[in-house]
Amino acid sequence: MNGAIVNFRRSRHSQKFTHLIIKPEGVSAKDKAEALVGKDVTWKNPKGKNKIEIKGKIASVHGNKGCVRVIFEKGLPGQALGTKVQIL
Protein backbone atom coordinates (compact mmCIF):
# COMPACT_ATOMS: atom_id res chain seq x y z
CA MET A 1 0.00 0.00 0.00
CA ASN A 2 1.23 3.51 -0.78
CA GLY A 3 0.66 6.83 0.91
CA ALA A 4 1.58 10.48 0.49
CA ILE A 5 3.42 12.69 2.98
CA VAL A 6 1.13 15.56 3.95
CA ASN A 7 3.13 17.52 6.51
CA PHE A 8 5.42 17.40 9.52
CA ARG A 9 3.84 17.06 12.94
CA ARG A 10 3.96 20.56 14.32
CA SER A 11 2.76 22.98 16.91
CA ARG A 12 2.50 26.74 16.92
CA HIS A 13 6.20 27.40 17.40
CA SER A 14 8.01 24.20 16.39
CA GLN A 15 7.86 21.12 14.23
CA LYS A 16 9.19 17.62 14.73
CA PHE A 17 11.29 16.41 11.81
CA THR A 18 10.97 12.71 12.66
CA HIS A 19 7.16 12.77 13.02
CA LEU A 20 5.19 13.07 9.80
CA ILE A 21 1.53 12.93 8.82
CA ILE A 22 0.76 10.44 6.04
CA LYS A 23 -2.41 10.07 3.96
CA PRO A 24 -2.72 6.39 2.90
CA GLU A 25 -4.33 5.67 -0.48
CA GLY A 26 -7.84 4.27 -0.27
CA VAL A 27 -8.30 5.12 3.43
CA SER A 28 -10.89 7.79 4.16
CA ALA A 29 -12.14 6.97 7.66
CA LYS A 30 -10.70 6.77 11.14
CA ASP A 31 -11.68 3.12 11.69
CA LYS A 32 -9.80 1.98 8.56
CA ALA A 33 -6.73 3.98 9.59
CA GLU A 34 -6.70 2.33 13.03
CA ALA A 35 -6.01 -1.02 11.31
CA LEU A 36 -2.70 0.40 9.99
CA VAL A 37 -1.26 1.29 13.42
CA GLY A 38 1.97 -0.64 14.05
CA LYS A 39 2.85 -1.24 10.38
CA ASP A 40 6.23 -0.28 8.93
CA VAL A 41 6.72 2.56 6.46
CA THR A 42 9.60 3.15 4.04
CA TRP A 43 10.53 6.42 2.29
CA LYS A 44 12.91 6.24 -0.68
CA ASN A 45 14.66 9.27 -2.12
CA PRO A 46 13.08 9.70 -5.58
CA LYS A 47 15.87 11.87 -6.97
CA GLY A 48 19.65 11.99 -6.77
CA LYS A 49 22.41 9.49 -7.14
CA ASN A 50 22.34 8.44 -3.47
CA LYS A 51 19.50 5.99 -2.95
CA ILE A 52 18.50 6.86 0.61
CA GLU A 53 15.92 4.70 2.38
CA ILE A 54 14.51 5.78 5.75
CA LYS A 55 12.23 3.51 7.76
CA GLY A 56 9.52 4.34 10.24
CA LYS A 57 6.48 2.97 12.04
CA ILE A 58 2.86 4.12 12.17
CA ALA A 59 2.23 5.38 15.69
CA SER A 60 -1.39 6.55 15.73
CA VAL A 61 -4.31 7.98 13.81
CA HIS A 62 -4.35 11.70 13.06
CA GLY A 63 -7.81 13.21 12.79
CA ASN A 64 -11.03 11.68 11.45
CA LYS A 65 -10.28 11.54 7.71
CA GLY A 66 -7.88 8.59 7.68
CA CYS A 67 -4.49 10.25 8.12
CA VAL A 68 -1.87 8.56 10.30
CA ARG A 69 1.16 9.76 12.27
CA VAL A 70 4.46 8.06 11.44
CA ILE A 71 7.65 8.23 13.51
CA PHE A 72 10.76 7.79 11.37
CA GLU A 73 14.13 6.68 12.73
CA LYS A 74 15.82 9.70 11.15
CA GLY A 75 14.50 13.11 10.17
CA LEU A 76 13.24 13.56 6.62
CA PRO A 77 14.27 16.52 4.44
CA GLY A 78 11.78 19.20 3.50
CA GLN A 79 11.81 17.96 -0.10
CA ALA A 80 10.03 14.82 1.13
CA LEU A 81 6.72 16.69 1.50
CA GLY A 82 4.29 15.51 -1.16
CA THR A 83 6.30 12.41 -2.09
CA LYS A 84 5.20 8.81 -1.78
CA VAL A 85 5.91 6.29 0.96
CA GLN A 86 5.37 2.55 0.99
CA ILE A 87 3.36 1.00 3.82
CA LEU A 88 4.46 -2.60 4.44
PDB file of N, CA and C in Angstrom:
ATOM      1  N   MET A   1       0.844  -1.171   0.000  1.00  0.00           N
ATOM      2  CA  MET A   1       0.000   0.000   0.000  1.00  0.00           C
ATOM      3  C   MET A   1       0.891   1.237   0.000  1.00  0.00           C
ATOM      4  N   ASN A   2       0.466   2.262  -0.709  1.00  0.00           N
ATOM      5  CA  ASN A   2       1.228   3.508  -0.778  1.00  0.00           C
ATOM      6  C   ASN A   2       0.502   4.605  -0.016  1.00  0.00           C
ATOM      7  N   GLY A   3       1.221   5.664   0.262  1.00  0.00           N
ATOM      8  CA  GLY A   3       0.659   6.830   0.914  1.00  0.00           C
ATOM      9  C   GLY A   3       1.449   8.057   0.510  1.00  0.00           C
ATOM     10  N   ALA A   4       0.915   9.222   0.819  1.00  0.00           N
ATOM     11  CA  ALA A   4       1.583  10.481   0.494  1.00  0.00           C
ATOM     12  C   ALA A   4       1.877  11.242   1.781  1.00  0.00           C
ATOM     13  N   ILE A   5       3.045  11.878   1.820  1.00  0.00           N
ATOM     14  CA  ILE A   5       3.417  12.686   2.979  1.00  0.00           C
ATOM     15  C   ILE A   5       2.680  14.020   2.889  1.00  0.00           C
ATOM     16  N   VAL A   6       1.933  14.334   3.937  1.00  0.00           N
ATOM     17  CA  VAL A   6       1.132  15.557   3.951  1.00  0.00           C
ATOM     18  C   VAL A   6       1.903  16.699   4.600  1.00  0.00           C
ATOM     19  N   ASN A   7       2.461  16.446   5.795  1.00  0.00           N
ATOM     20  CA  ASN A   7       3.131  17.520   6.515  1.00  0.00           C
ATOM     21  C   ASN A   7       3.907  16.932   7.684  1.00  0.00           C
ATOM     22  N   PHE A   8       4.767  17.753   8.271  1.00  0.00           N
ATOM     23  CA  PHE A   8       5.421  17.400   9.522  1.00  0.00           C
ATOM     24  C   PHE A   8       4.415  17.562  10.658  1.00  0.00           C
ATOM     25  N   ARG A   9       4.622  16.826  11.740  1.00  0.00           N
ATOM     26  CA  ARG A   9       3.837  17.064  12.939  1.00  0.00           C
ATOM     27  C   ARG A   9       4.376  18.337  13.567  1.00  0.00           C
ATOM     28  N   ARG A  10       3.487  19.277  13.851  1.00  0.00           N
ATOM     29  CA  ARG A  10       3.963  20.564  14.320  1.00  0.00           C
ATOM     30  C   ARG A  10       3.017  21.177  15.333  1.00  0.00           C
ATOM     31  N   SER A  11       3.551  22.181  15.987  1.00  0.00           N
ATOM     32  CA  SER A  11       2.758  22.975  16.908  1.00  0.00           C
ATOM     33  C   SER A  11       2.861  24.428  16.455  1.00  0.00           C
ATOM     34  N   ARG A  12       2.490  25.319  17.303  1.00  0.00           N
ATOM     35  CA  ARG A  12       2.496  26.738  16.924  1.00  0.00           C
ATOM     36  C   ARG A  12       3.899  27.270  16.685  1.00  0.00           C
ATOM     37  N   HIS A  13       4.865  26.840  17.485  1.00  0.00           N
ATOM     38  CA  HIS A  13       6.200  27.404  17.396  1.00  0.00           C
ATOM     39  C   HIS A  13       7.273  26.436  16.918  1.00  0.00           C
ATOM     40  N   SER A  14       6.976  25.157  16.780  1.00  0.00           N
ATOM     41  CA  SER A  14       8.014  24.204  16.393  1.00  0.00           C
ATOM     42  C   SER A  14       7.422  23.067  15.585  1.00  0.00           C
ATOM     43  N   GLN A  15       8.298  22.322  14.940  1.00  0.00           N
ATOM     44  CA  GLN A  15       7.865  21.122  14.232  1.00  0.00           C
ATOM     45  C   GLN A  15       8.862  20.010  14.495  1.00  0.00           C
ATOM     46  N   LYS A  16       8.364  18.790  14.460  1.00  0.00           N
ATOM     47  CA  LYS A  16       9.189  17.624  14.729  1.00  0.00           C
ATOM     48  C   LYS A  16       9.554  16.990  13.398  1.00  0.00           C
ATOM     49  N   PHE A  17      10.847  16.876  13.112  1.00  0.00           N
ATOM     50  CA  PHE A  17      11.288  16.413  11.806  1.00  0.00           C
ATOM     51  C   PHE A  17      11.236  14.902  11.651  1.00  0.00           C
ATOM     52  N   THR A  18      11.086  14.165  12.751  1.00  0.00           N
ATOM     53  CA  THR A  18      10.972  12.711  12.656  1.00  0.00           C
ATOM     54  C   THR A  18       9.523  12.237  12.664  1.00  0.00           C
ATOM     55  N   HIS A  19       8.581  13.124  12.998  1.00  0.00           N
ATOM     56  CA  HIS A  19       7.163  12.773  13.023  1.00  0.00           C
ATOM     57  C   HIS A  19       6.497  13.399  11.797  1.00  0.00           C
ATOM     58  N   LEU A  20       5.864  12.560  10.975  1.00  0.00           N
ATOM     59  CA  LEU A  20       5.186  13.074   9.795  1.00  0.00           C
ATOM     60  C   LEU A  20       3.766  12.564   9.727  1.00  0.00           C
ATOM     61  N   ILE A  21       2.915  13.312   9.027  1.00  0.00           N
ATOM     62  CA  ILE A  21       1.529  12.928   8.822  1.00  0.00           C
ATOM     63  C   ILE A  21       1.419  12.376   7.404  1.00  0.00           C
ATOM     64  N   ILE A  22       0.867  11.158   7.309  1.00  0.00           N
ATOM     65  CA  ILE A  22       0.762  10.444   6.036  1.00  0.00           C
ATOM     66  C   ILE A  22      -0.707  10.230   5.715  1.00  0.00           C
ATOM     67  N   LYS A  23      -1.060  10.377   4.427  1.00  0.00           N
ATOM     68  CA  LYS A  23      -2.412  10.074   3.957  1.00  0.00           C
ATOM     69  C   LYS A  23      -2.333   8.797   3.121  1.00  0.00           C
ATOM     70  N   PRO A  24      -2.762   7.634   3.661  1.00  0.00           N
ATOM     71  CA  PRO A  24      -2.725   6.387   2.898  1.00  0.00           C
ATOM     72  C   PRO A  24      -3.751   6.398   1.771  1.00  0.00           C
ATOM     73  N   GLU A  25      -3.413   5.748   0.653  1.00  0.00           N
ATOM     74  CA  GLU A  25      -4.329   5.671  -0.481  1.00  0.00           C
ATOM     75  C   GLU A  25      -5.467   4.708  -0.162  1.00  0.00           C
ATOM     76  N   GLY A  26      -6.674   5.113  -0.466  1.00  0.00           N
ATOM     77  CA  GLY A  26      -7.840   4.267  -0.267  1.00  0.00           C
ATOM     78  C   GLY A  26      -8.384   4.260   1.150  1.00  0.00           C
ATOM     79  N   VAL A  27      -7.823   5.046   2.042  1.00  0.00           N
ATOM     80  CA  VAL A  27      -8.297   5.119   3.426  1.00  0.00           C
ATOM     81  C   VAL A  27      -8.919   6.495   3.636  1.00  0.00           C
ATOM     82  N   SER A  28     -10.211   6.504   3.992  1.00  0.00           N
ATOM     83  CA  SER A  28     -10.889   7.790   4.159  1.00  0.00           C
ATOM     84  C   SER A  28     -11.646   7.895   5.475  1.00  0.00           C
ATOM     85  N   ALA A  29     -11.438   6.932   6.372  1.00  0.00           N
ATOM     86  CA  ALA A  29     -12.136   6.970   7.655  1.00  0.00           C
ATOM     87  C   ALA A  29     -11.185   6.575   8.774  1.00  0.00           C
ATOM     88  N   LYS A  30     -11.546   7.008   9.972  1.00  0.00           N
ATOM     89  CA  LYS A  30     -10.703   6.765  11.138  1.00  0.00           C
ATOM     90  C   LYS A  30     -10.606   5.280  11.483  1.00  0.00           C
ATOM     91  N   ASP A  31     -11.699   4.543  11.332  1.00  0.00           N
ATOM     92  CA  ASP A  31     -11.675   3.123  11.692  1.00  0.00           C
ATOM     93  C   ASP A  31     -10.789   2.306  10.759  1.00  0.00           C
ATOM     94  N   LYS A  32     -10.701   2.673   9.486  1.00  0.00           N
ATOM     95  CA  LYS A  32      -9.799   1.975   8.559  1.00  0.00           C
ATOM     96  C   LYS A  32      -8.338   2.324   8.848  1.00  0.00           C
ATOM     97  N   ALA A  33      -8.099   3.557   9.287  1.00  0.00           N
ATOM     98  CA  ALA A  33      -6.731   3.978   9.595  1.00  0.00           C
ATOM     99  C   ALA A  33      -6.220   3.314  10.868  1.00  0.00           C
ATOM    100  N   GLU A  34      -7.113   2.993  11.801  1.00  0.00           N
ATOM    101  CA  GLU A  34      -6.698   2.326  13.033  1.00  0.00           C
ATOM    102  C   GLU A  34      -6.132   0.940  12.765  1.00  0.00           C
ATOM    103  N   ALA A  35      -6.536   0.303  11.661  1.00  0.00           N
ATOM    104  CA  ALA A  35      -6.014  -1.019  11.310  1.00  0.00           C
ATOM    105  C   ALA A  35      -4.562  -0.946  10.848  1.00  0.00           C
ATOM    106  N   LEU A  36      -4.079   0.242  10.479  1.00  0.00           N
ATOM    107  CA  LEU A  36      -2.703   0.400   9.991  1.00  0.00           C
ATOM    108  C   LEU A  36      -1.694   0.674  11.104  1.00  0.00           C
ATOM    109  N   VAL A  37      -2.160   0.953  12.318  1.00  0.00           N
ATOM    110  CA  VAL A  37      -1.257   1.292  13.417  1.00  0.00           C
ATOM    111  C   VAL A  37      -0.338   0.108  13.715  1.00  0.00           C
ATOM    112  N   GLY A  38       0.969   0.391  13.784  1.00  0.00           N
ATOM    113  CA  GLY A  38       1.970  -0.637  14.045  1.00  0.00           C
ATOM    114  C   GLY A  38       2.679  -1.132  12.809  1.00  0.00           C
ATOM    115  N   LYS A  39       2.202  -0.785  11.612  1.00  0.00           N
ATOM    116  CA  LYS A  39       2.849  -1.236  10.378  1.00  0.00           C
ATOM    117  C   LYS A  39       4.088  -0.392  10.083  1.00  0.00           C
ATOM    118  N   ASP A  40       4.993  -0.961   9.305  1.00  0.00           N
ATOM    119  CA  ASP A  40       6.228  -0.283   8.933  1.00  0.00           C
ATOM    120  C   ASP A  40       6.023   0.554   7.678  1.00  0.00           C
ATOM    121  N   VAL A  41       6.795   1.630   7.581  1.00  0.00           N
ATOM    122  CA  VAL A  41       6.722   2.561   6.464  1.00  0.00           C
ATOM    123  C   VAL A  41       8.138   2.796   5.957  1.00  0.00           C
ATOM    124  N   THR A  42       8.295   2.895   4.634  1.00  0.00           N
ATOM    125  CA  THR A  42       9.600   3.150   4.036  1.00  0.00           C
ATOM    126  C   THR A  42       9.501   4.331   3.078  1.00  0.00           C
ATOM    127  N   TRP A  43      10.426   5.292   3.223  1.00  0.00           N
ATOM    128  CA  TRP A  43      10.530   6.415   2.291  1.00  0.00           C
ATOM    129  C   TRP A  43      11.820   6.257   1.512  1.00  0.00           C
ATOM    130  N   LYS A  44      11.733   6.332   0.181  1.00  0.00           N
ATOM    131  CA  LYS A  44      12.913   6.244  -0.677  1.00  0.00           C
ATOM    132  C   LYS A  44      13.095   7.572  -1.384  1.00  0.00           C
ATOM    133  N   ASN A  45      14.345   8.013  -1.458  1.00  0.00           N
ATOM    134  CA  ASN A  45      14.659   9.270  -2.118  1.00  0.00           C
ATOM    135  C   ASN A  45      14.380   9.123  -3.609  1.00  0.00           C
ATOM    136  N   PRO A  46      13.429   9.878  -4.177  1.00  0.00           N
ATOM    137  CA  PRO A  46      13.082   9.697  -5.583  1.00  0.00           C
ATOM    138  C   PRO A  46      14.109  10.278  -6.552  1.00  0.00           C
ATOM    139  N   LYS A  47      14.916  11.217  -6.090  1.00  0.00           N
ATOM    140  CA  LYS A  47      15.874  11.871  -6.973  1.00  0.00           C
ATOM    141  C   LYS A  47      17.272  11.734  -6.410  1.00  0.00           C
ATOM    142  N   GLY A  48      18.265  11.992  -7.242  1.00  0.00           N
ATOM    143  CA  GLY A  48      19.645  11.994  -6.773  1.00  0.00           C
ATOM    144  C   GLY A  48      20.334  10.668  -6.980  1.00  0.00           C
ATOM    145  N   LYS A  49      21.642  10.708  -6.918  1.00  0.00           N
ATOM    146  CA  LYS A  49      22.411   9.489  -7.140  1.00  0.00           C
ATOM    147  C   LYS A  49      22.498   8.626  -5.893  1.00  0.00           C
ATOM    148  N   ASN A  50      22.328   9.222  -4.707  1.00  0.00           N
ATOM    149  CA  ASN A  50      22.343   8.445  -3.469  1.00  0.00           C
ATOM    150  C   ASN A  50      20.947   7.910  -3.205  1.00  0.00           C
ATOM    151  N   LYS A  51      20.801   6.612  -3.199  1.00  0.00           N
ATOM    152  CA  LYS A  51      19.501   5.988  -2.951  1.00  0.00           C
ATOM    153  C   LYS A  51      19.315   5.830  -1.443  1.00  0.00           C
ATOM    154  N   ILE A  52      18.707   6.839  -0.833  1.00  0.00           N
ATOM    155  CA  ILE A  52      18.499   6.857   0.609  1.00  0.00           C
ATOM    156  C   ILE A  52      17.157   6.191   0.914  1.00  0.00           C
ATOM    157  N   GLU A  53      17.141   5.357   1.935  1.00  0.00           N
ATOM    158  CA  GLU A  53      15.921   4.702   2.379  1.00  0.00           C
ATOM    159  C   GLU A  53      15.803   4.882   3.888  1.00  0.00           C
ATOM    160  N   ILE A  54      14.721   5.526   4.336  1.00  0.00           N
ATOM    161  CA  ILE A  54      14.506   5.782   5.753  1.00  0.00           C
ATOM    162  C   ILE A  54      13.244   5.047   6.179  1.00  0.00           C
ATOM    163  N   LYS A  55      13.338   4.324   7.288  1.00  0.00           N
ATOM    164  CA  LYS A  55      12.225   3.507   7.764  1.00  0.00           C
ATOM    165  C   LYS A  55      11.559   4.146   8.969  1.00  0.00           C
ATOM    166  N   GLY A  56      10.277   3.842   9.119  1.00  0.00           N
ATOM    167  CA  GLY A  56       9.520   4.344  10.245  1.00  0.00           C
ATOM    168  C   GLY A  56       8.392   3.403  10.595  1.00  0.00           C
ATOM    169  N   LYS A  57       7.595   3.802  11.576  1.00  0.00           N
ATOM    170  CA  LYS A  57       6.484   2.975  12.044  1.00  0.00           C
ATOM    171  C   LYS A  57       5.281   3.865  12.304  1.00  0.00           C
ATOM    172  N   ILE A  58       4.095   3.368  11.945  1.00  0.00           N
ATOM    173  CA  ILE A  58       2.863   4.116  12.167  1.00  0.00           C
ATOM    174  C   ILE A  58       2.545   4.083  13.656  1.00  0.00           C
ATOM    175  N   ALA A  59       2.421   5.270  14.253  1.00  0.00           N
ATOM    176  CA  ALA A  59       2.233   5.376  15.694  1.00  0.00           C
ATOM    177  C   ALA A  59       0.766   5.511  16.084  1.00  0.00           C
ATOM    178  N   SER A  60       0.007   6.327  15.348  1.00  0.00           N
ATOM    179  CA  SER A  60      -1.386   6.553  15.731  1.00  0.00           C
ATOM    180  C   SER A  60      -2.148   7.176  14.571  1.00  0.00           C
ATOM    181  N   VAL A  61      -3.437   7.332  14.785  1.00  0.00           N
ATOM    182  CA  VAL A  61      -4.310   7.980  13.806  1.00  0.00           C
ATOM    183  C   VAL A  61      -4.258   9.478  14.048  1.00  0.00           C
ATOM    184  N   HIS A  62      -4.361  10.247  12.961  1.00  0.00           N
ATOM    185  CA  HIS A  62      -4.346  11.705  13.064  1.00  0.00           C
ATOM    186  C   HIS A  62      -5.641  12.237  12.454  1.00  0.00           C
ATOM    187  N   GLY A  63      -6.562  12.649  13.279  1.00  0.00           N
ATOM    188  CA  GLY A  63      -7.811  13.214  12.786  1.00  0.00           C
ATOM    189  C   GLY A  63      -8.842  12.153  12.458  1.00  0.00           C
ATOM    190  N   ASN A  64      -9.908  12.571  11.776  1.00  0.00           N
ATOM    191  CA  ASN A  64     -11.026  11.680  11.454  1.00  0.00           C
ATOM    192  C   ASN A  64     -11.102  11.299   9.982  1.00  0.00           C
ATOM    193  N   LYS A  65     -10.191  11.782   9.150  1.00  0.00           N
ATOM    194  CA  LYS A  65     -10.280  11.543   7.710  1.00  0.00           C
ATOM    195  C   LYS A  65      -9.310  10.484   7.203  1.00  0.00           C
ATOM    196  N   GLY A  66      -8.703   9.720   8.107  1.00  0.00           N
ATOM    197  CA  GLY A  66      -7.881   8.593   7.681  1.00  0.00           C
ATOM    198  C   GLY A  66      -6.391   8.843   7.641  1.00  0.00           C
ATOM    199  N   CYS A  67      -5.925   9.992   8.077  1.00  0.00           N
ATOM    200  CA  CYS A  67      -4.486  10.248   8.122  1.00  0.00           C
ATOM    201  C   CYS A  67      -3.868   9.542   9.322  1.00  0.00           C
ATOM    202  N   VAL A  68      -2.585   9.226   9.207  1.00  0.00           N
ATOM    203  CA  VAL A  68      -1.873   8.559  10.300  1.00  0.00           C
ATOM    204  C   VAL A  68      -0.601   9.320  10.607  1.00  0.00           C
ATOM    205  N   ARG A  69      -0.088   9.133  11.842  1.00  0.00           N
ATOM    206  CA  ARG A  69       1.157   9.760  12.268  1.00  0.00           C
ATOM    207  C   ARG A  69       2.244   8.702  12.260  1.00  0.00           C
ATOM    208  N   VAL A  70       3.348   9.003  11.572  1.00  0.00           N
ATOM    209  CA  VAL A  70       4.463   8.060  11.436  1.00  0.00           C
ATOM    210  C   VAL A  70       5.690   8.653  12.116  1.00  0.00           C
ATOM    211  N   ILE A  71       6.397   7.822  12.888  1.00  0.00           N
ATOM    212  CA  ILE A  71       7.648   8.226  13.514  1.00  0.00           C
ATOM    213  C   ILE A  71       8.777   7.533  12.761  1.00  0.00           C
ATOM    214  N   PHE A  72       9.633   8.319  12.123  1.00  0.00           N
ATOM    215  CA  PHE A  72      10.764   7.792  11.373  1.00  0.00           C
ATOM    216  C   PHE A  72      11.993   7.729  12.266  1.00  0.00           C
ATOM    217  N   GLU A  73      12.926   6.837  11.922  1.00  0.00           N
ATOM    218  CA  GLU A  73      14.132   6.675  12.727  1.00  0.00           C
ATOM    219  C   GLU A  73      15.097   7.830  12.545  1.00  0.00           C
ATOM    220  N   LYS A  74      14.956   8.567  11.463  1.00  0.00           N
ATOM    221  CA  LYS A  74      15.821   9.698  11.149  1.00  0.00           C
ATOM    222  C   LYS A  74      14.943  10.783  10.538  1.00  0.00           C
ATOM    223  N   GLY A  75      15.305  12.030  10.708  1.00  0.00           N
ATOM    224  CA  GLY A  75      14.498  13.114  10.166  1.00  0.00           C
ATOM    225  C   GLY A  75      14.493  13.136   8.650  1.00  0.00           C
ATOM    226  N   LEU A  76      13.361  13.470   8.066  1.00  0.00           N
ATOM    227  CA  LEU A  76      13.243  13.561   6.621  1.00  0.00           C
ATOM    228  C   LEU A  76      13.507  14.987   6.161  1.00  0.00           C
ATOM    229  N   PRO A  77      14.046  15.163   4.946  1.00  0.00           N
ATOM    230  CA  PRO A  77      14.272  16.516   4.440  1.00  0.00           C
ATOM    231  C   PRO A  77      12.955  17.178   4.036  1.00  0.00           C
ATOM    232  N   GLY A  78      12.975  18.467   3.898  1.00  0.00           N
ATOM    233  CA  GLY A  78      11.784  19.200   3.503  1.00  0.00           C
ATOM    234  C   GLY A  78      11.294  18.844   2.116  1.00  0.00           C
ATOM    235  N   GLN A  79      12.192  18.364   1.248  1.00  0.00           N
ATOM    236  CA  GLN A  79      11.807  17.963  -0.103  1.00  0.00           C
ATOM    237  C   GLN A  79      10.940  16.710  -0.102  1.00  0.00           C
ATOM    238  N   ALA A  80      10.835  16.037   1.040  1.00  0.00           N
ATOM    239  CA  ALA A  80      10.031  14.819   1.125  1.00  0.00           C
ATOM    240  C   ALA A  80       8.530  15.119   1.140  1.00  0.00           C
ATOM    241  N   LEU A  81       8.140  16.349   1.455  1.00  0.00           N
ATOM    242  CA  LEU A  81       6.722  16.692   1.498  1.00  0.00           C
ATOM    243  C   LEU A  81       6.099  16.493   0.122  1.00  0.00           C
ATOM    244  N   GLY A  82       4.979  15.781   0.084  1.00  0.00           N
ATOM    245  CA  GLY A  82       4.292  15.512  -1.161  1.00  0.00           C
ATOM    246  C   GLY A  82       4.756  14.263  -1.886  1.00  0.00           C
ATOM    247  N   THR A  83       5.818  13.626  -1.429  1.00  0.00           N
ATOM    248  CA  THR A  83       6.304  12.414  -2.090  1.00  0.00           C
ATOM    249  C   THR A  83       5.589  11.191  -1.533  1.00  0.00           C
ATOM    250  N   LYS A  84       5.857  10.046  -2.143  1.00  0.00           N
ATOM    251  CA  LYS A  84       5.197   8.805  -1.785  1.00  0.00           C
ATOM    252  C   LYS A  84       5.999   8.009  -0.784  1.00  0.00           C
ATOM    253  N   VAL A  85       5.294   7.251   0.044  1.00  0.00           N
ATOM    254  CA  VAL A  85       5.906   6.290   0.959  1.00  0.00           C
ATOM    255  C   VAL A  85       5.235   4.947   0.721  1.00  0.00           C
ATOM    256  N   GLN A  86       5.923   3.897   1.129  1.00  0.00           N
ATOM    257  CA  GLN A  86       5.369   2.552   0.993  1.00  0.00           C
ATOM    258  C   GLN A  86       5.043   2.019   2.376  1.00  0.00           C
ATOM    259  N   ILE A  87       3.800   1.567   2.550  1.00  0.00           N
ATOM    260  CA  ILE A  87       3.361   1.001   3.819  1.00  0.00           C
ATOM    261  C   ILE A  87       3.427  -0.518   3.683  1.00  0.00           C
ATOM    262  N   LEU A  88       4.232  -1.147   4.538  1.00  0.00           N
ATOM    263  CA  LEU A  88       4.458  -2.597   4.437  1.00  0.00           C
ATOM    264  C   LEU A  88       3.532  -3.375   5.337  1.00  0.00           C
TER     265      LEU A  88
END
